[in-house]
Amino acid sequence: MPSARPGPAPAHPDAPSAPSAAGPWAPLPHPTVPDPALSWSAPGAGVRPVVSFAEPERFDEAGYRVRRRRRGAAAAVCLVLGLGLIGGAVTGSWLTGDSGDRADADAFATAAELWHSVPVDELFPPTVQGQGAGPGAADRTWTRIAVAPDSGCAGAFDPLLAKTLAPAGCERLLRATYTDATQSYVTTVGLLFTGADADAMRTLRTRFDKEDLADRADLMPRPYAAKGTAADGFGDAQRASWTVSVLTDAPVVVYAVSGWADGRTVDTPQPAEEAAEPGATTAPAQAGLGNEAQGLADRIERGLRATASKPTEQPS
């Protein structure tokens, strides 16, 4: 009679069951097979290694107490040092915050005076370099062709924009008009110095952001058309693209408006942010007039901040 093949050995009742392949864990790897040379039954294994055990350490109650006192003293020192560091950090943060607030207030106050304390060539440089400011990150160079006399805001804005800006007040309005290197485009950039404090400027900025006021064509700023220049025919009907930025670290509204130098009218102006988007197909976008307004306004704003941050007194 053929002998029956031995079946699988029955599992030990205390052995853990193998994890299911469908479960959240993968099957356990195959156990490593021991090296026979390291077995007790290997040849030469009859000579057992000599193993000695160290004498057990005796309990020394006096020494234990000394060590315990030392550990307690060290822990106390660490605790005191830790609390001192934490307290110093908190105090330092309070001092830093206080100094920062004062510095911000001083910078805000300094910026409010720039319109009469800084030469026009610093606020509106004769030449402005716009590295990467053109379409496709092309470089731009703008040349100043006219500077308007500093004045109030009467007649400088469309009625609705003037009404929107009125809560901030108008201390002084500074404007200059630039042309590009090819004299194909003209751009007026303006700095409206308001009479508002920091809270009022934040409120105005919040309103512009929430209501998208900077993108509304009925809130476009007006250009400065200087007679006898490339901007001679740059009037309200020639406005093609614009940008308006309400600052909160200075009582200033920075704006720019661009158009063609040949005096052509524009039926549908476009905000600079939209016109400068890659792939925009409107006439102002294709001509790069959004980049002209946005790029020049950005450089003038940077210059304003750099000028405001300069120390007013030289150290003795």
C-alpha atoms as a PDB file:
ATOM      1  CA  MET A   1       0.000   0.000   0.000  1.00  0.00           C
ATOM      2  CA  PRO A   2       1.457   3.360  -1.000  1.00  0.00           C
ATOM      3  CA  SER A   3       2.426   5.479   1.926  1.00  0.00           C
ATOM      4  CA  ALA A   4       0.430   8.606   2.476  1.00  0.00           C
ATOM      5  CA  ARG A   5       2.241  11.823   1.894  1.00  0.00           C
ATOM      6  CA  PRO A   6       2.751  13.773   5.066  1.00  0.00           C
ATOM      7  CA  GLY A   7       0.550  16.818   5.188  1.00  0.00           C
ATOM      8  CA  PRO A   8       1.509  20.197   6.567  1.00  0.00           C
ATOM      9  CA  ALA A   9       2.431  20.192  10.204  1.00  0.00           C
ATOM     10  CA  PRO A  10      -0.416  21.365  12.376  1.00  0.00           C
ATOM     11  CA  ALA A  11       0.009  24.876  13.667  1.00  0.00           C
ATOM     12  CA  HIS A  12       0.905  25.302  17.250  1.00  0.00           C
ATOM     13  CA  PRO A  13      -2.122  26.577  19.129  1.00  0.00           C
ATOM     14  CA  ASP A  14      -0.117  29.519  20.539  1.00  0.00           C
ATOM     15  CA  ALA A  15       1.571  30.477  17.248  1.00  0.00           C
ATOM     16  CA  PRO A  16       0.363  33.722  15.671  1.00  0.00           C
ATOM     17  CA  SER A  17      -1.489  33.343  12.416  1.00  0.00           C
ATOM     18  CA  ALA A  18       0.235  34.571   9.257  1.00  0.00           C
ATOM     19  CA  PRO A  19      -0.983  37.925   8.056  1.00  0.00           C
ATOM     20  CA  SER A  20      -3.233  37.951   5.039  1.00  0.00           C
ATOM     21  CA  ALA A  21      -1.738  39.282   1.816  1.00  0.00           C
ATOM     22  CA  ALA A  22      -4.899  41.304   1.340  1.00  0.00           C
ATOM     23  CA  GLY A  23      -4.557  42.907   4.751  1.00  0.00           C
ATOM     24  CA  PRO A  24      -2.927  46.262   5.496  1.00  0.00           C
ATOM     25  CA  TRP A  25       0.459  44.693   6.176  1.00  0.00           C
ATOM     26  CA  ALA A  26       2.628  42.668   3.772  1.00  0.00           C
ATOM     27  CA  PRO A  27       3.552  39.009   4.586  1.00  0.00           C
ATOM     28  CA  LEU A  28       6.479  38.537   6.946  1.00  0.00           C
ATOM     29  CA  PRO A  29       9.818  37.771   5.229  1.00  0.00           C
ATOM     30  CA  HIS A  30      11.175  34.198   5.316  1.00  0.00           C
ATOM     31  CA  PRO A  31      13.245  33.661   8.464  1.00  0.00           C
ATOM     32  CA  THR A  32      16.993  33.611   8.008  1.00  0.00           C
ATOM     33  CA  VAL A  33      18.442  30.064   7.987  1.00  0.00           C
ATOM     34  CA  PRO A  34      21.164  29.741  10.676  1.00  0.00           C
ATOM     35  CA  ASP A  35      24.712  28.989   9.650  1.00  0.00           C
ATOM     36  CA  PRO A  36      25.455  25.273  10.514  1.00  0.00           C
ATOM     37  CA  ALA A  37      29.031  26.212  11.354  1.00  0.00           C
ATOM     38  CA  LEU A  38      27.762  28.217  14.275  1.00  0.00           C
ATOM     39  CA  SER A  39      25.626  25.377  15.638  1.00  0.00           C
ATOM     40  CA  TRP A  40      26.462  23.654  18.935  1.00  0.00           C
ATOM     41  CA  SER A  41      26.418  20.338  17.042  1.00  0.00           C
ATOM     42  CA  ALA A  42      29.013  21.444  14.464  1.00  0.00           C
ATOM     43  CA  PRO A  43      32.423  19.663  14.442  1.00  0.00           C
ATOM     44  CA  GLY A  44      34.608  20.988  17.199  1.00  0.00           C
ATOM     45  CA  ALA A  45      31.555  22.160  19.037  1.00  0.00           C
ATOM     46  CA  GLY A  46      32.339  19.805  21.877  1.00  0.00           C
ATOM     47  CA  VAL A  47      34.828  22.334  23.177  1.00  0.00           C
ATOM     48  CA  ARG A  48      32.587  24.795  24.837  1.00  0.00           C
ATOM     49  CA  PRO A  49      33.800  28.357  25.230  1.00  0.00           C
ATOM     50  CA  VAL A  50      34.724  29.385  28.722  1.00  0.00           C
ATOM     51  CA  VAL A  51      32.274  31.966  29.958  1.00  0.00           C
ATOM     52  CA  SER A  52      32.798  33.861  33.179  1.00  0.00           C
ATOM     53  CA  PHE A  53      30.373  36.175  34.886  1.00  0.00           C
ATOM     54  CA  ALA A  54      31.323  39.317  36.730  1.00  0.00           C
ATOM     55  CA  GLU A  55      30.671  39.564  40.393  1.00  0.00           C
ATOM     56  CA  PRO A  56      27.291  41.210  40.962  1.00  0.00           C
ATOM     57  CA  GLU A  57      27.433  44.826  42.057  1.00  0.00           C
ATOM     58  CA  ARG A  58      26.658  45.289  45.705  1.00  0.00           C
ATOM     59  CA  PHE A  59      24.148  47.871  46.747  1.00  0.00           C
ATOM     60  CA  ASP A  60      25.817  50.801  48.534  1.00  0.00           C
ATOM     61  CA  GLU A  61      23.104  52.802  50.233  1.00  0.00           C
ATOM     62  CA  ALA A  62      25.412  55.699  51.142  1.00  0.00           C
ATOM     63  CA  GLY A  63      26.793  55.995  47.611  1.00  0.00           C
ATOM     64  CA  TYR A  64      23.307  55.741  46.157  1.00  0.00           C
ATOM     65  CA  ARG A  65      22.149  58.634  48.300  1.00  0.00           C
ATOM     66  CA  VAL A  66      25.127  60.763  47.213  1.00  0.00           C
ATOM     67  CA  ARG A  67      24.496  60.038  43.551  1.00  0.00           C
ATOM     68  CA  ARG A  68      20.798  60.768  43.979  1.00  0.00           C
ATOM     69  CA  ARG A  69      21.560  64.120  45.624  1.00  0.00           C
ATOM     70  CA  ARG A  70      23.937  65.010  42.778  1.00  0.00           C
ATOM     71  CA  ARG A  71      21.354  64.129  40.136  1.00  0.00           C
ATOM     72  CA  GLY A  72      18.741  66.202  41.962  1.00  0.00           C
ATOM     73  CA  ALA A  73      21.069  69.199  42.150  1.00  0.00           C
ATOM     74  CA  ALA A  74      21.892  68.928  38.429  1.00  0.00           C
ATOM     75  CA  ALA A  75      18.202  68.754  37.534  1.00  0.00           C
ATOM     76  CA  ALA A  76      17.517  71.853  39.642  1.00  0.00           C
ATOM     77  CA  VAL A  77      20.299  73.778  37.889  1.00  0.00           C
ATOM     78  CA  CYS A  78      18.921  72.795  34.464  1.00  0.00           C
ATOM     79  CA  LEU A  79      15.454  73.885  35.511  1.00  0.00           C
ATOM     80  CA  VAL A  80      16.687  77.302  36.650  1.00  0.00           C
ATOM     81  CA  LEU A  81      18.696  77.783  33.454  1.00  0.00           C
ATOM     82  CA  GLY A  82      15.739  76.740  31.304  1.00  0.00           C
ATOM     83  CA  LEU A  83      13.372  79.139  33.024  1.00  0.00           C
ATOM     84  CA  GLY A  84      15.938  81.914  32.667  1.00  0.00           C
ATOM     85  CA  LEU A  85      16.282  81.287  28.923  1.00  0.00           C
ATOM     86  CA  ILE A  86      12.519  81.203  28.435  1.00  0.00           C
ATOM     87  CA  GLY A  87      12.043  84.381  30.427  1.00  0.00           C
ATOM     88  CA  GLY A  88      14.825  86.105  28.509  1.00  0.00           C
ATOM     89  CA  ALA A  89      13.307  85.064  25.181  1.00  0.00           C
ATOM     90  CA  VAL A  90       9.881  86.389  26.162  1.00  0.00           C
ATOM     91  CA  THR A  91      11.351  89.661  27.395  1.00  0.00           C
ATOM     92  CA  GLY A  92      13.405  89.966  24.221  1.00  0.00           C
ATOM     93  CA  SER A  93      10.349  89.402  22.035  1.00  0.00           C
ATOM     94  CA  TRP A  94       8.465  92.116  23.875  1.00  0.00           C
ATOM     95  CA  LEU A  95      11.353  94.516  23.431  1.00  0.00           C
ATOM     96  CA  THR A  96      11.747  93.616  19.773  1.00  0.00           C
ATOM     97  CA  GLY A  97       8.053  94.059  19.081  1.00  0.00           C
ATOM     98  CA  ASP A  98       8.043  97.435  20.806  1.00  0.00           C
ATOM     99  CA  SER A  99      11.081  98.633  18.847  1.00  0.00           C
ATOM    100  CA  GLY A 100       9.537  97.336  15.602  1.00  0.00           C
ATOM    101  CA  ASP A 101       6.353  99.285  16.232  1.00  0.00           C
ATOM    102  CA  ARG A 102       8.317 102.458  16.865  1.00  0.00           C
ATOM    103  CA  ALA A 103      10.461 101.890  13.776  1.00  0.00           C
ATOM    104  CA  ASP A 104       7.363 101.366  11.631  1.00  0.00           C
ATOM    105  CA  ALA A 105       5.789 104.552  12.978  1.00  0.00           C
ATOM    106  CA  ASP A 106       9.001 106.496  12.353  1.00  0.00           C
ATOM    107  CA  ALA A 107       9.274 105.155   8.783  1.00  0.00           C
ATOM    108  CA  PHE A 108       5.636 106.038   8.122  1.00  0.00           C
ATOM    109  CA  ALA A 109       6.176 109.585   9.384  1.00  0.00           C
ATOM    110  CA  THR A 110       9.376 109.937   7.350  1.00  0.00           C
ATOM    111  CA  ALA A 111       7.637 108.816   4.161  1.00  0.00           C
ATOM    112  CA  ALA A 112       4.917 111.419   4.686  1.00  0.00           C
ATOM    113  CA  GLU A 113       7.518 114.188   4.359  1.00  0.00           C
ATOM    114  CA  LEU A 114       9.302 112.940   1.268  1.00  0.00           C
ATOM    115  CA  TRP A 115       7.323 115.049  -1.173  1.00  0.00           C
ATOM    116  CA  HIS A 116       9.043 118.255   0.007  1.00  0.00           C
ATOM    117  CA  SER A 117      12.299 116.897   1.494  1.00  0.00           C
ATOM    118  CA  VAL A 118      13.602 114.781  -1.404  1.00  0.00           C
ATOM    119  CA  PRO A 119      14.789 116.056  -4.822  1.00  0.00           C
ATOM    120  CA  VAL A 120      12.561 115.182  -7.738  1.00  0.00           C
ATOM    121  CA  ASP A 121      15.342 113.166  -9.380  1.00  0.00           C
ATOM    122  CA  GLU A 122      15.237 110.712  -6.485  1.00  0.00           C
ATOM    123  CA  LEU A 123      11.483 110.205  -6.604  1.00  0.00           C
ATOM    124  CA  PHE A 124      11.293 110.290 -10.422  1.00  0.00           C
ATOM    125  CA  PRO A 125      14.771 109.453 -11.800  1.00  0.00           C
ATOM    126  CA  PRO A 126      15.569 110.813 -15.287  1.00  0.00           C
ATOM    127  CA  THR A 127      16.127 107.209 -16.423  1.00  0.00           C
ATOM    128  CA  VAL A 128      14.543 104.100 -14.932  1.00  0.00           C
ATOM    129  CA  GLN A 129      15.833 100.628 -15.704  1.00  0.00           C
ATOM    130  CA  GLY A 130      13.252  97.854 -15.802  1.00  0.00           C
ATOM    131  CA  GLN A 131      15.173  94.600 -15.904  1.00  0.00           C
ATOM    132  CA  GLY A 132      12.752  91.843 -16.896  1.00  0.00           C
ATOM    133  CA  ALA A 133       9.796  94.256 -16.785  1.00  0.00           C
ATOM    134  CA  GLY A 134       8.645  93.836 -20.384  1.00  0.00           C
ATOM    135  CA  PRO A 135       6.630  91.077 -22.056  1.00  0.00           C
ATOM    136  CA  GLY A 136       8.423  87.755 -21.859  1.00  0.00           C
ATOM    137  CA  ALA A 137      10.710  89.179 -19.147  1.00  0.00           C
ATOM    138  CA  ALA A 138      12.344  91.535 -21.654  1.00  0.00           C
ATOM    139  CA  ASP A 139      14.246  94.491 -20.247  1.00  0.00           C
ATOM    140  CA  ARG A 140      12.820  97.988 -20.367  1.00  0.00           C
ATOM    141  CA  THR A 141      14.317 101.464 -20.123  1.00  0.00           C
ATOM    142  CA  TRP A 142      12.124 104.476 -19.450  1.00  0.00           C
ATOM    143  CA  THR A 143      13.173 108.081 -19.966  1.00  0.00           C
ATOM    144  CA  ARG A 144      11.474 110.938 -18.149  1.00  0.00           C
ATOM    145  CA  ILE A 145      10.105 113.538 -20.532  1.00  0.00           C
ATOM    146  CA  ALA A 146       8.068 115.714 -18.174  1.00  0.00           C
ATOM    147  CA  VAL A 147       7.500 116.446 -14.492  1.00  0.00           C
ATOM    148  CA  ALA A 148       4.277 118.113 -13.389  1.00  0.00           C
ATOM    149  CA  PRO A 149       4.483 120.878 -10.783  1.00  0.00           C
ATOM    150  CA  ASP A 150       3.598 119.518  -7.351  1.00  0.00           C
ATOM    151  CA  SER A 151      -0.003 120.349  -6.661  1.00  0.00           C
ATOM    152  CA  GLY A 152      -3.198 119.332  -4.961  1.00  0.00           C
ATOM    153  CA  CYS A 153      -5.559 116.727  -6.364  1.00  0.00           C
ATOM    154  CA  ALA A 154      -8.190 118.998  -7.941  1.00  0.00           C
ATOM    155  CA  GLY A 155      -8.856 117.818 -11.489  1.00  0.00           C
ATOM    156  CA  ALA A 156      -6.153 115.157 -11.353  1.00  0.00           C
ATOM    157  CA  PHE A 157      -8.556 112.211 -11.119  1.00  0.00           C
ATOM    158  CA  ASP A 158     -11.843 111.185 -12.629  1.00  0.00           C
ATOM    159  CA  PRO A 159     -14.698 112.196 -10.273  1.00  0.00           C
ATOM    160  CA  LEU A 160     -15.403 108.666  -9.028  1.00  0.00           C
ATOM    161  CA  LEU A 161     -11.742 107.929  -8.249  1.00  0.00           C
ATOM    162  CA  ALA A 162     -11.410 111.305  -6.533  1.00  0.00           C
ATOM    163  CA  LYS A 163     -14.422 110.428  -4.372  1.00  0.00           C
ATOM    164  CA  THR A 164     -12.967 107.018  -3.507  1.00  0.00           C
ATOM    165  CA  LEU A 165      -9.617 108.499  -2.445  1.00  0.00           C
ATOM    166  CA  ALA A 166     -11.137 111.484  -0.589  1.00  0.00           C
ATOM    167  CA  PRO A 167     -11.307 109.779   2.874  1.00  0.00           C
ATOM    168  CA  ALA A 168      -7.502 109.525   2.877  1.00  0.00           C
ATOM    169  CA  GLY A 169      -7.054 113.196   2.043  1.00  0.00           C
ATOM    170  CA  CYS A 170      -4.582 114.829  -0.334  1.00  0.00           C
ATOM    171  CA  GLU A 171      -1.448 116.491   0.989  1.00  0.00           C
ATOM    172  CA  ARG A 172       0.366 116.661  -2.337  1.00  0.00           C
ATOM    173  CA  LEU A 173       0.302 115.036  -5.754  1.00  0.00           C
ATOM    174  CA  LEU A 174       3.533 114.414  -7.678  1.00  0.00           C
ATOM    175  CA  ARG A 175       3.513 113.213 -11.285  1.00  0.00           C
ATOM    176  CA  ALA A 176       5.951 112.502 -14.085  1.00  0.00           C
ATOM    177  CA  THR A 177       5.573 111.130 -17.601  1.00  0.00           C
ATOM    178  CA  TYR A 178       8.017 108.717 -19.208  1.00  0.00           C
ATOM    179  CA  THR A 179       8.484 107.186 -22.635  1.00  0.00           C
ATOM    180  CA  ASP A 180      10.063 103.881 -23.608  1.00  0.00           C
ATOM    181  CA  ALA A 181      13.327 103.515 -25.529  1.00  0.00           C
ATOM    182  CA  THR A 182      11.512 103.462 -28.893  1.00  0.00           C
ATOM    183  CA  GLN A 183       9.252 106.389 -27.934  1.00  0.00           C
ATOM    184  CA  SER A 184       6.257 104.254 -28.944  1.00  0.00           C
ATOM    185  CA  TYR A 185       4.528 104.417 -25.561  1.00  0.00           C
ATOM    186  CA  VAL A 186       4.021 107.015 -22.859  1.00  0.00           C
ATOM    187  CA  THR A 187       3.311 106.366 -19.185  1.00  0.00           C
ATOM    188  CA  THR A 188       2.384 108.760 -16.401  1.00  0.00           C
ATOM    189  CA  VAL A 189       3.319 107.662 -12.903  1.00  0.00           C
ATOM    190  CA  GLY A 190       1.965 109.441  -9.827  1.00  0.00           C
ATOM    191  CA  LEU A 191       2.599 109.588  -6.079  1.00  0.00           C
ATOM    192  CA  LEU A 192      -0.389 110.780  -4.094  1.00  0.00           C
ATOM    193  CA  PHE A 193       0.723 111.742  -0.584  1.00  0.00           C
ATOM    194  CA  THR A 194      -2.353 111.475   1.607  1.00  0.00           C
ATOM    195  CA  GLY A 195      -3.064 112.960   5.023  1.00  0.00           C
ATOM    196  CA  ALA A 196      -4.123 109.597   6.447  1.00  0.00           C
ATOM    197  CA  ASP A 197      -2.573 107.685   9.331  1.00  0.00           C
ATOM    198  CA  ALA A 198      -1.579 104.017   9.145  1.00  0.00           C
ATOM    199  CA  ASP A 199      -5.021 102.735  10.176  1.00  0.00           C
ATOM    200  CA  ALA A 200      -6.771 104.835   7.535  1.00  0.00           C
ATOM    201  CA  MET A 201      -4.367 103.610   4.851  1.00  0.00           C
ATOM    202  CA  ARG A 202      -5.040  99.997   5.854  1.00  0.00           C
ATOM    203  CA  THR A 203      -8.771 100.658   5.650  1.00  0.00           C
ATOM    204  CA  LEU A 204      -8.415 102.151   2.168  1.00  0.00           C
ATOM    205  CA  ARG A 205      -6.220  99.257   1.044  1.00  0.00           C
ATOM    206  CA  THR A 206      -8.748  96.732   2.368  1.00  0.00           C
ATOM    207  CA  ARG A 207     -11.534  98.409   0.443  1.00  0.00           C
ATOM    208  CA  PHE A 208      -9.522  98.409  -2.792  1.00  0.00           C
ATOM    209  CA  ASP A 209      -8.737  94.713  -2.349  1.00  0.00           C
ATOM    210  CA  LYS A 210     -12.212  93.550  -1.379  1.00  0.00           C
ATOM    211  CA  GLU A 211     -14.052  95.547  -4.059  1.00  0.00           C
ATOM    212  CA  ASP A 212     -11.406  95.132  -6.805  1.00  0.00           C
ATOM    213  CA  LEU A 213     -11.371  98.898  -7.239  1.00  0.00           C
ATOM    214  CA  ALA A 214      -7.958  98.893  -8.898  1.00  0.00           C
ATOM    215  CA  ASP A 215      -9.432  96.898 -11.822  1.00  0.00           C
ATOM    216  CA  ARG A 216     -12.383  99.165 -12.558  1.00  0.00           C
ATOM    217  CA  ALA A 217     -12.100 101.242 -15.741  1.00  0.00           C
ATOM    218  CA  ASP A 218     -14.220 104.007 -14.191  1.00  0.00           C
ATOM    219  CA  LEU A 219     -11.522 104.435 -11.527  1.00  0.00           C
ATOM    220  CA  MET A 220      -8.587 104.958 -13.891  1.00  0.00           C
ATOM    221  CA  PRO A 221      -6.147 107.738 -12.994  1.00  0.00           C
ATOM    222  CA  ARG A 222      -5.611 110.540 -15.488  1.00  0.00           C
ATOM    223  CA  PRO A 223      -2.365 111.026 -17.444  1.00  0.00           C
ATOM    224  CA  TYR A 224      -0.141 114.084 -17.449  1.00  0.00           C
ATOM    225  CA  ALA A 225       0.052 115.307 -21.046  1.00  0.00           C
ATOM    226  CA  ALA A 226       3.052 117.629 -21.268  1.00  0.00           C
ATOM    227  CA  LYS A 227       2.982 120.030 -24.220  1.00  0.00           C
ATOM    228  CA  GLY A 228       5.818 119.762 -26.707  1.00  0.00           C
ATOM    229  CA  THR A 229       6.720 116.201 -25.704  1.00  0.00           C
ATOM    230  CA  ALA A 230       5.892 112.701 -26.908  1.00  0.00           C
ATOM    231  CA  ALA A 231       2.995 112.808 -24.430  1.00  0.00           C
ATOM    232  CA  ASP A 232       1.432 115.911 -25.970  1.00  0.00           C
ATOM    233  CA  GLY A 233      -1.603 113.967 -27.152  1.00  0.00           C
ATOM    234  CA  PHE A 234      -1.848 111.694 -24.104  1.00  0.00           C
ATOM    235  CA  GLY A 235      -5.360 112.470 -22.859  1.00  0.00           C
ATOM    236  CA  ASP A 236      -8.176 110.581 -21.146  1.00  0.00           C
ATOM    237  CA  ALA A 237      -9.263 108.863 -24.381  1.00  0.00           C
ATOM    238  CA  GLN A 238      -5.745 107.541 -24.946  1.00  0.00           C
ATOM    239  CA  ARG A 239      -5.542 105.624 -21.670  1.00  0.00           C
ATOM    240  CA  ALA A 240      -4.881 101.944 -22.448  1.00  0.00           C
ATOM    241  CA  SER A 241      -3.728 100.320 -19.204  1.00  0.00           C
ATOM    242  CA  TRP A 242      -3.322 101.329 -15.575  1.00  0.00           C
ATOM    243  CA  THR A 243      -2.444 100.238 -12.062  1.00  0.00           C
ATOM    244  CA  VAL A 244      -3.232 101.661  -8.611  1.00  0.00           C
ATOM    245  CA  SER A 245      -1.479 100.560  -5.412  1.00  0.00           C
ATOM    246  CA  VAL A 246      -2.453 101.738  -1.915  1.00  0.00           C
ATOM    247  CA  LEU A 247       0.548 101.467   0.408  1.00  0.00           C
ATOM    248  CA  THR A 248       0.153 100.702   4.106  1.00  0.00           C
ATOM    249  CA  ASP A 249       3.729 101.365   5.257  1.00  0.00           C
ATOM    250  CA  ALA A 250       3.576 104.917   3.906  1.00  0.00           C
ATOM    251  CA  PRO A 251       0.727 107.421   3.393  1.00  0.00           C
ATOM    252  CA  VAL A 252       1.070 107.132  -0.383  1.00  0.00           C
ATOM    253  CA  VAL A 253      -0.983 105.883  -3.313  1.00  0.00           C
ATOM    254  CA  VAL A 254       1.198 104.886  -6.285  1.00  0.00           C
ATOM    255  CA  TYR A 255      -0.382 104.726  -9.715  1.00  0.00           C
ATOM    256  CA  ALA A 256       0.543 104.606 -13.396  1.00  0.00           C
ATOM    257  CA  VAL A 257      -1.388 104.865 -16.652  1.00  0.00           C
ATOM    258  CA  SER A 258      -0.011 104.099 -20.122  1.00  0.00           C
ATOM    259  CA  GLY A 259      -0.967 104.624 -23.763  1.00  0.00           C
ATOM    260  CA  TRP A 260       0.409 104.946 -27.290  1.00  0.00           C
ATOM    261  CA  ALA A 261       2.612 107.922 -28.069  1.00  0.00           C
ATOM    262  CA  ASP A 262       0.873 108.541 -31.401  1.00  0.00           C
ATOM    263  CA  GLY A 263      -2.309 109.672 -29.659  1.00  0.00           C
ATOM    264  CA  ARG A 264      -4.573 106.826 -30.784  1.00  0.00           C
ATOM    265  CA  THR A 265      -7.750 106.323 -28.760  1.00  0.00           C
ATOM    266  CA  VAL A 266      -8.537 103.149 -26.854  1.00  0.00           C
ATOM    267  CA  ASP A 267     -12.057 101.770 -26.705  1.00  0.00           C
ATOM    268  CA  THR A 268     -11.447  99.086 -24.084  1.00  0.00           C
ATOM    269  CA  PRO A 269      -8.670  99.815 -21.591  1.00  0.00           C
ATOM    270  CA  GLN A 270      -7.402  96.888 -19.559  1.00  0.00           C
ATOM    271  CA  PRO A 271      -5.960  96.757 -16.024  1.00  0.00           C
ATOM    272  CA  ALA A 272      -2.189  96.305 -16.075  1.00  0.00           C
ATOM    273  CA  GLU A 273      -2.300  93.078 -14.077  1.00  0.00           C
ATOM    274  CA  GLU A 274      -4.581  91.469 -16.675  1.00  0.00           C
ATOM    275  CA  ALA A 275      -2.806  92.969 -19.688  1.00  0.00           C
ATOM    276  CA  ALA A 276       0.566  91.700 -18.454  1.00  0.00           C
ATOM    277  CA  GLU A 277      -0.668  88.103 -18.161  1.00  0.00           C
ATOM    278  CA  PRO A 278       1.010  85.686 -20.605  1.00  0.00           C
ATOM    279  CA  GLY A 279      -1.350  84.824 -23.431  1.00  0.00           C
ATOM    280  CA  ALA A 280      -3.506  87.970 -23.126  1.00  0.00           C
ATOM    281  CA  THR A 281      -4.712  88.977 -26.592  1.00  0.00           C
ATOM    282  CA  THR A 282      -6.166  92.483 -26.174  1.00  0.00           C
ATOM    283  CA  ALA A 283      -4.530  95.404 -27.972  1.00  0.00           C
ATOM    284  CA  PRO A 284      -3.010  96.868 -24.769  1.00  0.00           C
ATOM    285  CA  ALA A 285      -1.701  93.414 -23.834  1.00  0.00           C
ATOM    286  CA  GLN A 286      -0.204  92.715 -27.265  1.00  0.00           C
ATOM    287  CA  ALA A 287       1.527  96.098 -27.245  1.00  0.00           C
ATOM    288  CA  GLY A 288       2.934  95.489 -23.758  1.00  0.00           C
ATOM    289  CA  LEU A 289       1.183  98.533 -22.263  1.00  0.00           C
ATOM    290  CA  GLY A 290       0.221  96.579 -19.158  1.00  0.00           C
ATOM    291  CA  ASN A 291       3.907  95.862 -18.587  1.00  0.00           C
ATOM    292  CA  GLU A 292       4.709  99.529 -19.156  1.00  0.00           C
ATOM    293  CA  ALA A 293       2.318 100.738 -16.460  1.00  0.00           C
ATOM    294  CA  GLN A 294       2.985  97.948 -13.974  1.00  0.00           C
ATOM    295  CA  GLY A 295       6.763  97.866 -14.442  1.00  0.00           C
ATOM    296  CA  LEU A 296       7.284 101.622 -14.117  1.00  0.00           C
ATOM    297  CA  ALA A 297       4.962 101.960 -11.111  1.00  0.00           C
ATOM    298  CA  ASP A 298       6.779  99.092  -9.408  1.00  0.00           C
ATOM    299  CA  ARG A 299      10.216 100.706  -9.884  1.00  0.00           C
ATOM    300  CA  ILE A 300       9.048 104.104  -8.652  1.00  0.00           C
ATOM    301  CA  GLU A 301       7.466 102.442  -5.600  1.00  0.00           C
ATOM    302  CA  ARG A 302      10.693 100.585  -4.838  1.00  0.00           C
ATOM    303  CA  GLY A 303      12.639 103.825  -5.070  1.00  0.00           C
ATOM    304  CA  LEU A 304      10.208 105.520  -2.698  1.00  0.00           C
ATOM    305  CA  ARG A 305      10.654 102.796  -0.092  1.00  0.00           C
ATOM    306  CA  ALA A 306      14.431 102.851  -0.463  1.00  0.00           C
ATOM    307  CA  THR A 307      14.481 106.623   0.004  1.00  0.00           C
ATOM    308  CA  ALA A 308      12.208 106.441   3.059  1.00  0.00           C
ATOM    309  CA  SER A 309      14.481 103.849   4.687  1.00  0.00           C
ATOM    310  CA  LYS A 310      17.632 105.975   4.403  1.00  0.00           C
ATOM    311  CA  PRO A 311      18.882 107.418   7.699  1.00  0.00           C
ATOM    312  CA  THR A 312      18.077 111.112   8.028  1.00  0.00           C
ATOM    313  CA  GLU A 313      21.049 111.788  10.354  1.00  0.00           C
ATOM    314  CA  GLN A 314      24.613 110.678   9.945  1.00  0.00           C
ATOM    315  CA  PRO A 315      26.176 109.062  13.042  1.00  0.00           C
ATOM    316  CA  SER A 316      28.642 111.310  14.851  1.00  0.00           C
END
